[in-house]
Amino acid sequence: RVALFNNIIQTLAVLHNIDPQNAGLSDFGGTGNYFERQFHRWSSQYKMSETSHIAEMDQLIRELPKQLPLEPHRTSLIHGDYRIDNLIFHQQESKVVAIIDWELSTLGDSISDLAYFCMCLRMRPDQHIAGIAGLNRASLGIPEESEMIQLYCKLRGIGSINHWDFYLAFSFFRLAAICQGVLKRSLDGTASNSNATHIGNLTCTLAQMAVEVLDESV
């Protein structure tokens, strides 16, 4: 598993090291601050699909704009939903052979993908979107979050990552907004996923986790 998780991070670094200009993808995403664009999109989406008052989401909508990174990392091609579910692995070797589900891909701050992946690992095993929070990673052969960050920075030539708490909190906020949209479609009878209600009910939990990450950074 150590080799597998290391290759997951290596694959992400390879993706982010692609030069969008040289790849003919310079117009693949919007211009300007990536997180400003993302915040506007997902806060608006959340408000349009709001079905009940969630105090933590309102708090995040107030607080996150105050902490937007002023100097984002180099603009890269980002996947937008980088998690194990969207990776295909070699049958015999511990390596990724394909990344699938590119519907959220764009140009933006590359650290957002890394934070999103680490966010998924912080989910509890008993949640509908299951993670490994609370499990003994050493016994499972899974690297610590800090080790994955260190490997990523080495591969990208980055000294360190500032505002890591913001990146994590924003990942939770964005996923919460997405889940709320799924819930709204479920209530409207237009959701295609049979588990839509279960996914939608994660909105409050994800918002709480985002607030907890921000509180830890104070």
Protein backbone atom coordinates (compact mmCIF):
# COMPACT_ATOMS: atom_id res chain seq x y z
CA ARG A 1 0.00 0.00 0.00
CA VAL A 2 2.91 2.37 0.61
CA ALA A 3 4.01 1.95 -3.00
CA LEU A 4 0.43 2.36 -4.22
CA PHE A 5 -0.22 5.57 -2.29
CA ASN A 6 3.16 6.96 -3.30
CA ASN A 7 2.27 6.33 -6.94
CA ILE A 8 -1.09 8.07 -6.47
CA ILE A 9 0.79 11.17 -5.35
CA GLN A 10 3.39 10.77 -8.11
CA THR A 11 0.60 10.55 -10.70
CA LEU A 12 -0.94 13.75 -9.35
CA ALA A 13 2.43 15.51 -9.55
CA VAL A 14 2.86 14.37 -13.17
CA LEU A 15 -0.57 15.79 -14.00
CA HIS A 16 0.24 19.12 -12.37
CA ASN A 17 3.63 19.34 -14.06
CA ILE A 18 1.95 19.41 -17.48
CA ASP A 19 2.27 22.87 -19.00
CA PRO A 20 -1.27 23.85 -20.13
CA GLN A 21 0.16 26.19 -22.77
CA ASN A 22 2.33 23.50 -24.36
CA ALA A 23 -0.53 21.00 -24.16
CA GLY A 24 -2.89 23.33 -26.03
CA LEU A 25 -5.07 23.80 -22.95
CA SER A 26 -4.43 27.45 -22.13
CA ASP A 27 -8.15 28.21 -22.54
CA PHE A 28 -9.37 25.13 -20.63
CA GLY A 29 -10.37 27.20 -17.59
CA GLY A 30 -11.15 30.72 -16.49
CA THR A 31 -8.66 33.43 -15.64
CA GLY A 32 -8.05 35.21 -12.35
CA ASN A 33 -7.89 33.81 -8.83
CA TYR A 34 -9.01 30.19 -8.93
CA PHE A 35 -10.47 30.17 -5.44
CA GLU A 36 -12.42 33.37 -6.00
CA ARG A 37 -14.04 31.72 -9.01
CA GLN A 38 -14.65 28.48 -7.15
CA PHE A 39 -16.06 30.20 -4.08
CA HIS A 40 -18.49 32.23 -6.16
CA ARG A 41 -19.59 29.14 -8.08
CA TRP A 42 -20.15 26.80 -5.15
CA SER A 43 -21.59 29.31 -2.69
CA SER A 44 -24.09 30.32 -5.38
CA GLN A 45 -24.86 26.68 -6.16
CA TYR A 46 -25.37 25.96 -2.48
CA LYS A 47 -27.78 28.84 -1.99
CA MET A 48 -29.81 27.78 -5.02
CA SER A 49 -30.12 24.21 -3.69
CA GLU A 50 -30.49 25.05 0.03
CA THR A 51 -33.23 22.99 1.66
CA SER A 52 -32.61 23.79 5.32
CA HIS A 53 -30.51 26.21 7.34
CA ILE A 54 -27.01 24.93 8.13
CA ALA A 55 -25.21 27.39 10.37
CA GLU A 56 -21.78 26.01 9.51
CA MET A 57 -22.31 26.63 5.79
CA ASP A 58 -23.29 30.22 6.49
CA GLN A 59 -20.17 30.58 8.64
CA LEU A 60 -17.97 29.22 5.85
CA ILE A 61 -19.55 31.54 3.30
CA ARG A 62 -18.63 34.43 5.60
CA GLU A 63 -15.15 33.29 6.60
CA LEU A 64 -13.59 31.60 3.58
CA PRO A 65 -13.38 34.75 1.40
CA LYS A 66 -11.29 36.37 4.14
CA GLN A 67 -8.66 33.64 3.83
CA LEU A 68 -8.29 33.22 0.07
CA PRO A 69 -4.62 32.67 -0.84
CA LEU A 70 -3.35 35.88 -2.42
CA GLU A 71 -0.48 34.13 -4.17
CA PRO A 72 -1.80 30.81 -5.49
CA HIS A 73 0.58 28.15 -6.74
CA ARG A 74 1.32 27.94 -10.46
CA THR A 75 -1.79 27.46 -12.55
CA SER A 76 -2.06 23.81 -13.57
CA LEU A 77 -4.43 21.41 -15.21
CA ILE A 78 -6.40 20.09 -12.24
CA HIS A 79 -8.73 17.12 -12.07
CA GLY A 80 -11.16 18.54 -9.52
CA ASP A 81 -12.26 15.17 -8.11
CA TYR A 82 -8.97 13.36 -7.48
CA ARG A 83 -9.73 10.37 -5.26
CA ILE A 84 -9.23 6.62 -5.31
CA ASP A 85 -12.70 6.07 -6.79
CA ASN A 86 -11.60 7.91 -9.94
CA LEU A 87 -8.34 6.00 -10.45
CA ILE A 88 -7.77 2.75 -12.33
CA PHE A 89 -4.88 0.63 -11.08
CA HIS A 90 -2.61 -1.91 -12.74
CA GLN A 91 -3.71 -5.48 -12.03
CA GLN A 92 -0.29 -6.69 -10.90
CA GLU A 93 1.72 -3.56 -10.13
CA SER A 94 1.21 -0.84 -7.53
CA LYS A 95 0.61 1.99 -9.96
CA VAL A 96 -2.12 4.10 -11.51
CA VAL A 97 -2.80 3.43 -15.19
CA ALA A 98 -5.63 5.91 -15.74
CA ILE A 99 -7.51 8.83 -14.19
CA ILE A 100 -11.22 8.93 -15.00
CA ASP A 101 -14.21 11.25 -14.45
CA TRP A 102 -12.93 14.62 -15.64
CA GLU A 103 -16.19 16.58 -15.45
CA LEU A 104 -14.83 18.96 -12.76
CA SER A 105 -11.44 19.46 -14.44
CA THR A 106 -10.22 22.98 -15.20
CA LEU A 107 -7.18 25.21 -14.83
CA GLY A 108 -6.44 26.32 -11.30
CA ASP A 109 -4.37 26.07 -8.16
CA SER A 110 -2.79 22.62 -8.16
CA ILE A 111 -2.79 22.29 -4.37
CA SER A 112 -6.58 22.08 -4.47
CA ASP A 113 -6.31 18.55 -5.93
CA LEU A 114 -3.86 17.44 -3.25
CA ALA A 115 -6.05 18.85 -0.48
CA TYR A 116 -9.13 17.19 -1.95
CA PHE A 117 -7.39 13.82 -1.97
CA CYS A 118 -6.25 14.27 1.63
CA MET A 119 -9.73 15.43 2.61
CA CYS A 120 -11.17 12.13 1.38
CA LEU A 121 -8.70 10.26 3.59
CA ARG A 122 -10.00 12.26 6.57
CA MET A 123 -13.55 10.98 6.10
CA ARG A 124 -14.69 8.35 8.59
CA PRO A 125 -15.01 4.72 7.43
CA ASP A 126 -18.70 4.65 8.42
CA GLN A 127 -19.67 7.63 6.27
CA HIS A 128 -21.36 7.19 2.90
CA ILE A 129 -18.23 8.63 1.28
CA ALA A 130 -15.88 6.44 3.30
CA GLY A 131 -12.35 7.39 4.35
CA ILE A 132 -9.77 6.11 6.80
CA ALA A 133 -10.01 8.66 9.62
CA GLY A 134 -9.26 7.09 12.99
CA LEU A 135 -7.64 3.98 11.54
CA ASN A 136 -4.06 2.95 12.29
CA ARG A 137 -2.32 3.96 9.07
CA ALA A 138 0.99 2.36 10.03
CA SER A 139 -0.65 -1.05 10.45
CA LEU A 140 -2.41 -0.61 7.10
CA GLY A 141 0.72 0.47 5.26
CA ILE A 142 -0.77 3.85 4.36
CA PRO A 143 1.50 6.93 4.55
CA GLU A 144 0.61 9.81 6.83
CA GLU A 145 -0.83 12.95 5.29
CA SER A 146 2.39 14.82 6.08
CA GLU A 147 4.43 12.20 4.18
CA MET A 148 2.21 12.51 1.12
CA ILE A 149 2.49 16.30 1.20
CA GLN A 150 6.26 16.06 1.54
CA LEU A 151 6.50 13.67 -1.44
CA TYR A 152 4.27 15.89 -3.55
CA CYS A 153 6.32 19.01 -2.76
CA LYS A 154 9.55 17.17 -3.61
CA LEU A 155 8.18 16.02 -6.96
CA ARG A 156 6.87 19.48 -7.81
CA GLY A 157 9.89 21.39 -6.55
CA ILE A 158 7.81 23.22 -3.94
CA GLY A 159 9.48 24.19 -0.68
CA SER A 160 6.31 24.13 1.41
CA ILE A 161 2.58 24.70 1.20
CA ASN A 162 1.17 27.76 2.91
CA HIS A 163 -2.51 27.97 3.92
CA TRP A 164 -2.91 24.17 4.02
CA ASP A 165 -5.81 24.55 6.48
CA PHE A 166 -7.62 26.77 4.00
CA TYR A 167 -7.12 24.28 1.17
CA LEU A 168 -8.58 21.49 3.30
CA ALA A 169 -11.47 23.56 4.60
CA PHE A 170 -12.35 24.72 1.11
CA SER A 171 -12.34 21.12 -0.12
CA PHE A 172 -14.85 20.18 2.58
CA PHE A 173 -16.95 23.26 1.75
CA ARG A 174 -17.02 22.51 -1.97
CA LEU A 175 -17.96 18.87 -1.44
CA ALA A 176 -20.67 19.97 1.01
CA ALA A 177 -22.12 22.26 -1.65
CA ILE A 178 -22.01 19.44 -4.20
CA CYS A 179 -23.77 17.06 -1.79
CA GLN A 180 -26.43 19.68 -1.11
CA GLY A 181 -27.11 19.87 -4.84
CA VAL A 182 -27.48 16.08 -4.93
CA LEU A 183 -29.96 16.26 -2.02
CA LYS A 184 -32.01 18.96 -3.74
CA ARG A 185 -32.23 16.90 -6.92
CA SER A 186 -33.24 13.89 -4.84
CA LEU A 187 -36.06 15.84 -3.20
CA ASP A 188 -37.12 17.17 -6.58
CA GLY A 189 -37.16 13.64 -7.98
CA THR A 190 -34.51 14.35 -10.61
CA ALA A 191 -31.45 12.66 -9.06
CA SER A 192 -29.94 9.81 -11.10
CA ASN A 193 -28.06 8.30 -8.14
CA SER A 194 -30.11 5.87 -6.03
CA ASN A 195 -28.00 6.89 -3.00
CA ALA A 196 -28.65 10.60 -3.55
CA THR A 197 -30.40 11.16 -0.23
CA HIS A 198 -27.57 9.52 1.73
CA ILE A 199 -25.00 11.59 -0.14
CA GLY A 200 -26.99 14.78 0.37
CA ASN A 201 -27.27 14.19 4.09
CA LEU A 202 -23.48 14.51 4.33
CA THR A 203 -23.71 18.26 3.72
CA CYS A 204 -23.97 19.18 7.39
CA THR A 205 -21.19 16.77 8.43
CA LEU A 206 -18.83 18.09 5.76
CA ALA A 207 -19.55 21.69 6.73
CA GLN A 208 -18.80 20.87 10.35
CA MET A 209 -15.50 19.26 9.34
CA ALA A 210 -14.56 22.38 7.35
CA VAL A 211 -15.26 24.60 10.34
CA GLU A 212 -13.21 22.31 12.57
CA VAL A 213 -10.22 22.59 10.22
CA LEU A 214 -10.46 26.39 10.25
CA ASP A 215 -10.80 26.44 14.04
CA GLU A 216 -7.65 24.30 14.37
CA SER A 217 -5.68 26.89 12.41
CA VAL A 218 -6.59 29.76 14.76
